[in-house]
N, C-alpha and C. Protein backbone atom coordinates (compact mmCIF):
# COMPACT_ATOMS: atom_id res chain seq x y z
N MET A 1 0.83 -1.18 0.00
CA MET A 1 0.00 0.00 0.00
C MET A 1 0.88 1.25 0.00
N VAL A 2 0.41 2.25 -0.66
CA VAL A 2 1.13 3.50 -0.76
C VAL A 2 0.60 4.46 0.31
N ALA A 3 1.50 5.11 1.00
CA ALA A 3 1.10 6.06 2.03
C ALA A 3 0.45 7.28 1.38
N PRO A 4 -0.50 7.92 2.05
CA PRO A 4 -1.11 9.12 1.48
C PRO A 4 -0.08 10.25 1.38
N LYS A 5 -0.25 11.09 0.39
CA LYS A 5 0.69 12.18 0.16
C LYS A 5 0.46 13.29 1.18
N LYS A 6 1.55 13.80 1.72
CA LYS A 6 1.46 14.86 2.72
C LYS A 6 1.19 16.21 2.06
N TYR A 7 1.73 16.39 0.86
CA TYR A 7 1.59 17.65 0.15
C TYR A 7 0.81 17.43 -1.15
N PRO A 8 -0.09 18.35 -1.49
CA PRO A 8 -0.83 18.20 -2.75
C PRO A 8 0.10 18.31 -3.96
N ASP A 9 -0.31 17.69 -5.06
CA ASP A 9 0.49 17.70 -6.28
C ASP A 9 0.75 19.11 -6.80
N GLU A 10 -0.26 19.99 -6.69
CA GLU A 10 -0.09 21.37 -7.17
C GLU A 10 1.02 22.08 -6.41
N LEU A 11 1.07 21.87 -5.09
CA LEU A 11 2.11 22.49 -4.28
C LEU A 11 3.47 21.92 -4.64
N ARG A 12 3.53 20.62 -4.85
CA ARG A 12 4.80 19.99 -5.23
C ARG A 12 5.31 20.57 -6.55
N GLU A 13 4.43 20.67 -7.54
CA GLU A 13 4.84 21.19 -8.85
C GLU A 13 5.28 22.64 -8.77
N ARG A 14 4.52 23.45 -8.02
CA ARG A 14 4.85 24.87 -7.89
C ARG A 14 6.17 25.05 -7.16
N ALA A 15 6.35 24.35 -6.05
CA ALA A 15 7.58 24.47 -5.28
C ALA A 15 8.78 24.01 -6.10
N THR A 16 8.62 22.92 -6.82
CA THR A 16 9.71 22.39 -7.65
C THR A 16 10.07 23.40 -8.74
N ARG A 17 9.07 23.93 -9.40
CA ARG A 17 9.32 24.91 -10.47
C ARG A 17 10.04 26.14 -9.90
N MET A 18 9.56 26.64 -8.74
CA MET A 18 10.19 27.82 -8.13
C MET A 18 11.64 27.54 -7.75
N ALA A 19 11.91 26.36 -7.20
CA ALA A 19 13.27 26.03 -6.78
C ALA A 19 14.21 25.88 -7.97
N ILE A 20 13.73 25.26 -9.03
CA ILE A 20 14.57 25.10 -10.23
C ILE A 20 14.88 26.46 -10.84
N GLU A 21 13.87 27.34 -10.90
CA GLU A 21 14.10 28.68 -11.45
C GLU A 21 15.06 29.47 -10.56
N ALA A 22 14.92 29.35 -9.24
CA ALA A 22 15.80 30.08 -8.33
C ALA A 22 17.23 29.57 -8.40
N ARG A 23 17.41 28.29 -8.63
CA ARG A 23 18.76 27.73 -8.70
C ARG A 23 19.47 28.12 -9.99
N GLN A 24 18.71 28.54 -11.01
CA GLN A 24 19.33 28.97 -12.26
C GLN A 24 19.93 30.36 -12.14
N ASP A 25 19.42 31.16 -11.21
CA ASP A 25 19.95 32.51 -10.99
C ASP A 25 21.13 32.42 -10.01
N PRO A 26 22.35 32.75 -10.48
CA PRO A 26 23.52 32.59 -9.61
C PRO A 26 23.44 33.41 -8.32
N ALA A 27 22.79 34.56 -8.37
CA ALA A 27 22.72 35.42 -7.19
C ALA A 27 21.79 34.83 -6.13
N ALA A 28 20.77 34.11 -6.55
CA ALA A 28 19.78 33.58 -5.60
C ALA A 28 19.89 32.08 -5.40
N SER A 29 20.88 31.44 -6.00
CA SER A 29 20.94 29.98 -5.94
C SER A 29 21.33 29.44 -4.57
N HIS A 30 22.17 30.18 -3.84
CA HIS A 30 22.64 29.70 -2.53
C HIS A 30 21.47 29.73 -1.52
N GLY A 31 21.12 28.56 -1.01
CA GLY A 31 20.05 28.46 -0.02
C GLY A 31 18.65 28.58 -0.60
N ALA A 32 18.53 28.45 -1.92
CA ALA A 32 17.23 28.65 -2.57
C ALA A 32 16.21 27.62 -2.11
N ILE A 33 16.62 26.37 -1.99
CA ILE A 33 15.67 25.32 -1.63
C ILE A 33 15.14 25.55 -0.21
N LYS A 34 16.03 25.84 0.72
CA LYS A 34 15.59 26.08 2.10
C LYS A 34 14.68 27.29 2.18
N ARG A 35 15.03 28.36 1.49
CA ARG A 35 14.24 29.59 1.51
C ARG A 35 12.84 29.34 0.94
N ILE A 36 12.76 28.68 -0.20
CA ILE A 36 11.47 28.42 -0.83
C ILE A 36 10.66 27.44 0.01
N ALA A 37 11.31 26.43 0.58
CA ALA A 37 10.61 25.47 1.43
C ALA A 37 10.01 26.17 2.64
N ASP A 38 10.75 27.07 3.25
CA ASP A 38 10.23 27.81 4.40
C ASP A 38 9.05 28.70 4.00
N GLN A 39 9.14 29.33 2.84
CA GLN A 39 8.06 30.21 2.37
C GLN A 39 6.77 29.44 2.13
N LEU A 40 6.90 28.22 1.60
CA LEU A 40 5.71 27.43 1.24
C LEU A 40 5.27 26.46 2.32
N GLY A 41 6.02 26.36 3.40
CA GLY A 41 5.65 25.44 4.48
C GLY A 41 5.91 23.98 4.14
N VAL A 42 6.98 23.76 3.40
CA VAL A 42 7.36 22.40 2.98
C VAL A 42 8.69 22.07 3.65
N HIS A 43 8.87 20.82 3.99
CA HIS A 43 10.15 20.41 4.57
C HIS A 43 11.24 20.54 3.50
N PRO A 44 12.39 21.13 3.85
CA PRO A 44 13.44 21.34 2.83
C PRO A 44 13.92 20.05 2.17
N GLU A 45 14.01 18.96 2.91
CA GLU A 45 14.45 17.70 2.30
C GLU A 45 13.43 17.17 1.30
N ALA A 46 12.14 17.39 1.60
CA ALA A 46 11.11 16.98 0.65
C ALA A 46 11.27 17.75 -0.66
N LEU A 47 11.45 19.06 -0.55
CA LEU A 47 11.63 19.88 -1.75
C LEU A 47 12.91 19.50 -2.48
N ARG A 48 13.98 19.23 -1.76
CA ARG A 48 15.23 18.83 -2.38
C ARG A 48 15.05 17.53 -3.17
N THR A 49 14.29 16.60 -2.60
CA THR A 49 14.01 15.33 -3.28
C THR A 49 13.19 15.56 -4.54
N TRP A 50 12.18 16.42 -4.45
CA TRP A 50 11.34 16.72 -5.61
C TRP A 50 12.17 17.35 -6.73
N VAL A 51 13.05 18.27 -6.37
CA VAL A 51 13.88 18.94 -7.37
C VAL A 51 14.83 17.93 -8.01
N ARG A 52 15.43 17.07 -7.20
CA ARG A 52 16.35 16.06 -7.73
C ARG A 52 15.61 15.15 -8.73
N GLN A 53 14.40 14.70 -8.36
CA GLN A 53 13.64 13.83 -9.25
C GLN A 53 13.21 14.57 -10.52
N ALA A 54 12.86 15.84 -10.40
CA ALA A 54 12.50 16.63 -11.59
C ALA A 54 13.69 16.77 -12.52
N GLU A 55 14.89 16.94 -11.96
CA GLU A 55 16.08 17.03 -12.79
C GLU A 55 16.38 15.70 -13.46
N ILE A 56 16.15 14.60 -12.77
CA ILE A 56 16.34 13.27 -13.37
C ILE A 56 15.32 13.07 -14.49
N ASP A 57 14.05 13.39 -14.22
CA ASP A 57 13.01 13.22 -15.23
C ASP A 57 13.25 14.11 -16.44
N GLY A 58 13.85 15.28 -16.22
CA GLY A 58 14.14 16.20 -17.31
C GLY A 58 15.41 15.86 -18.07
N GLY A 59 16.16 14.87 -17.60
CA GLY A 59 17.37 14.46 -18.28
C GLY A 59 18.59 15.30 -17.93
N HIS A 60 18.48 16.14 -16.89
CA HIS A 60 19.60 17.00 -16.49
C HIS A 60 20.51 16.34 -15.47
N ARG A 61 20.09 15.19 -14.95
CA ARG A 61 20.85 14.48 -13.92
C ARG A 61 20.67 12.98 -14.17
N PRO A 62 21.71 12.19 -13.97
CA PRO A 62 21.57 10.74 -14.16
C PRO A 62 20.74 10.12 -13.04
N GLY A 63 20.01 9.09 -13.40
CA GLY A 63 19.20 8.38 -12.42
C GLY A 63 18.02 7.70 -13.08
N VAL A 64 17.16 7.09 -12.26
CA VAL A 64 16.00 6.37 -12.76
C VAL A 64 14.81 7.33 -12.82
N ARG A 65 14.26 7.50 -14.03
CA ARG A 65 13.11 8.39 -14.20
C ARG A 65 11.88 7.80 -13.51
N THR A 66 10.92 8.64 -13.22
CA THR A 66 9.71 8.24 -12.51
C THR A 66 8.96 7.15 -13.26
N ASP A 67 8.80 7.31 -14.57
CA ASP A 67 8.07 6.30 -15.34
C ASP A 67 8.82 4.98 -15.38
N GLU A 68 10.15 5.04 -15.42
CA GLU A 68 10.94 3.81 -15.40
C GLU A 68 10.81 3.11 -14.04
N ALA A 69 10.81 3.89 -12.96
CA ALA A 69 10.68 3.30 -11.62
C ALA A 69 9.32 2.64 -11.46
N ALA A 70 8.27 3.27 -12.00
CA ALA A 70 6.94 2.67 -11.92
C ALA A 70 6.90 1.36 -12.72
N ARG A 71 7.52 1.35 -13.87
CA ARG A 71 7.56 0.13 -14.70
C ARG A 71 8.34 -0.99 -14.00
N ILE A 72 9.45 -0.65 -13.38
CA ILE A 72 10.25 -1.63 -12.65
C ILE A 72 9.43 -2.21 -11.49
N THR A 73 8.73 -1.34 -10.77
CA THR A 73 7.90 -1.80 -9.65
C THR A 73 6.82 -2.75 -10.14
N GLU A 74 6.19 -2.42 -11.25
CA GLU A 74 5.14 -3.28 -11.81
C GLU A 74 5.71 -4.63 -12.24
N LEU A 75 6.88 -4.62 -12.87
CA LEU A 75 7.50 -5.87 -13.30
C LEU A 75 7.92 -6.73 -12.10
N GLU A 76 8.40 -6.09 -11.04
CA GLU A 76 8.76 -6.84 -9.83
C GLU A 76 7.53 -7.48 -9.20
N ARG A 77 6.41 -6.75 -9.18
CA ARG A 77 5.16 -7.28 -8.64
C ARG A 77 4.69 -8.48 -9.47
N GLU A 78 4.74 -8.33 -10.78
CA GLU A 78 4.35 -9.42 -11.67
C GLU A 78 5.25 -10.64 -11.49
N ASN A 79 6.55 -10.38 -11.32
CA ASN A 79 7.51 -11.46 -11.10
C ASN A 79 7.19 -12.22 -9.82
N ARG A 80 6.87 -11.49 -8.73
CA ARG A 80 6.49 -12.15 -7.47
C ARG A 80 5.26 -13.02 -7.64
N GLU A 81 4.26 -12.49 -8.35
CA GLU A 81 3.02 -13.26 -8.57
C GLU A 81 3.30 -14.52 -9.37
N LEU A 82 4.13 -14.42 -10.39
CA LEU A 82 4.45 -15.58 -11.22
C LEU A 82 5.26 -16.62 -10.43
N ARG A 83 6.18 -16.16 -9.61
CA ARG A 83 6.94 -17.10 -8.77
C ARG A 83 6.01 -17.82 -7.79
N ARG A 84 5.07 -17.09 -7.22
CA ARG A 84 4.11 -17.69 -6.29
C ARG A 84 3.25 -18.72 -7.01
N ALA A 85 2.75 -18.36 -8.19
CA ALA A 85 1.93 -19.29 -8.97
C ALA A 85 2.75 -20.52 -9.36
N ASN A 86 3.99 -20.33 -9.72
CA ASN A 86 4.86 -21.44 -10.09
C ASN A 86 5.07 -22.37 -8.90
N ALA A 87 5.27 -21.81 -7.70
CA ALA A 87 5.45 -22.64 -6.51
C ALA A 87 4.19 -23.45 -6.21
N ILE A 88 3.03 -22.83 -6.38
CA ILE A 88 1.77 -23.54 -6.15
C ILE A 88 1.62 -24.68 -7.15
N LEU A 89 1.92 -24.42 -8.41
CA LEU A 89 1.81 -25.45 -9.43
C LEU A 89 2.79 -26.60 -9.19
N LYS A 90 4.00 -26.28 -8.73
CA LYS A 90 4.97 -27.33 -8.43
C LYS A 90 4.49 -28.21 -7.29
N SER A 91 3.95 -27.60 -6.23
CA SER A 91 3.48 -28.41 -5.10
C SER A 91 2.25 -29.23 -5.50
N ALA A 92 1.38 -28.67 -6.33
CA ALA A 92 0.21 -29.42 -6.79
C ALA A 92 0.65 -30.59 -7.68
N SER A 93 1.64 -30.35 -8.52
CA SER A 93 2.16 -31.41 -9.38
C SER A 93 2.76 -32.54 -8.54
N ALA A 94 3.52 -32.19 -7.52
CA ALA A 94 4.10 -33.22 -6.64
C ALA A 94 3.01 -33.99 -5.91
N PHE A 95 1.97 -33.29 -5.47
CA PHE A 95 0.86 -33.95 -4.77
C PHE A 95 0.16 -34.95 -5.68
N PHE A 96 -0.18 -34.51 -6.89
CA PHE A 96 -0.89 -35.41 -7.80
C PHE A 96 0.00 -36.55 -8.29
N ALA A 97 1.28 -36.31 -8.44
CA ALA A 97 2.21 -37.38 -8.82
C ALA A 97 2.26 -38.42 -7.72
N ALA A 98 2.23 -38.01 -6.47
CA ALA A 98 2.23 -38.95 -5.35
C ALA A 98 0.92 -39.72 -5.31
N GLU A 99 -0.19 -39.10 -5.64
CA GLU A 99 -1.49 -39.76 -5.67
C GLU A 99 -1.53 -40.84 -6.76
N ILE A 100 -0.91 -40.56 -7.89
CA ILE A 100 -0.89 -41.52 -8.99
C ILE A 100 -0.06 -42.74 -8.61
N ASP A 101 1.07 -42.51 -7.94
CA ASP A 101 1.97 -43.60 -7.56
C ASP A 101 1.43 -44.42 -6.40
N ARG A 102 0.49 -43.91 -5.64
CA ARG A 102 -0.05 -44.62 -4.48
C ARG A 102 -0.89 -45.82 -4.96
N PRO A 103 -0.68 -46.99 -4.36
CA PRO A 103 -1.48 -48.15 -4.79
C PRO A 103 -2.95 -48.01 -4.37
N HIS A 104 -3.83 -48.38 -5.28
CA HIS A 104 -5.28 -48.31 -5.00
C HIS A 104 -5.79 -49.68 -4.59
N ARG A 105 -6.84 -49.73 -3.81
CA ARG A 105 -7.40 -51.00 -3.35
C ARG A 105 -8.45 -51.51 -4.29
């Protein structure tokens, strides 16, 4: 289960956009994330994480993009389900093989 979001998406987008724009200005770049986070009532580390992910998604920083991470998560979930189904089928196969080998009266 996914935890509920603490901050609305609109606030996240606005704060991220403001921080990225502020970091582009050399005069205002120092402490921009903390300053903007304080102004908007957001934890600075949360804003820093959002900015980092936006830079990754935009191709300005190396890392796993959001859509790729979602795809990986989905594939891992599917892999777990298939492994579970495979284990069930193996145990059922062993059970029925034992039933066939058992002598009948």
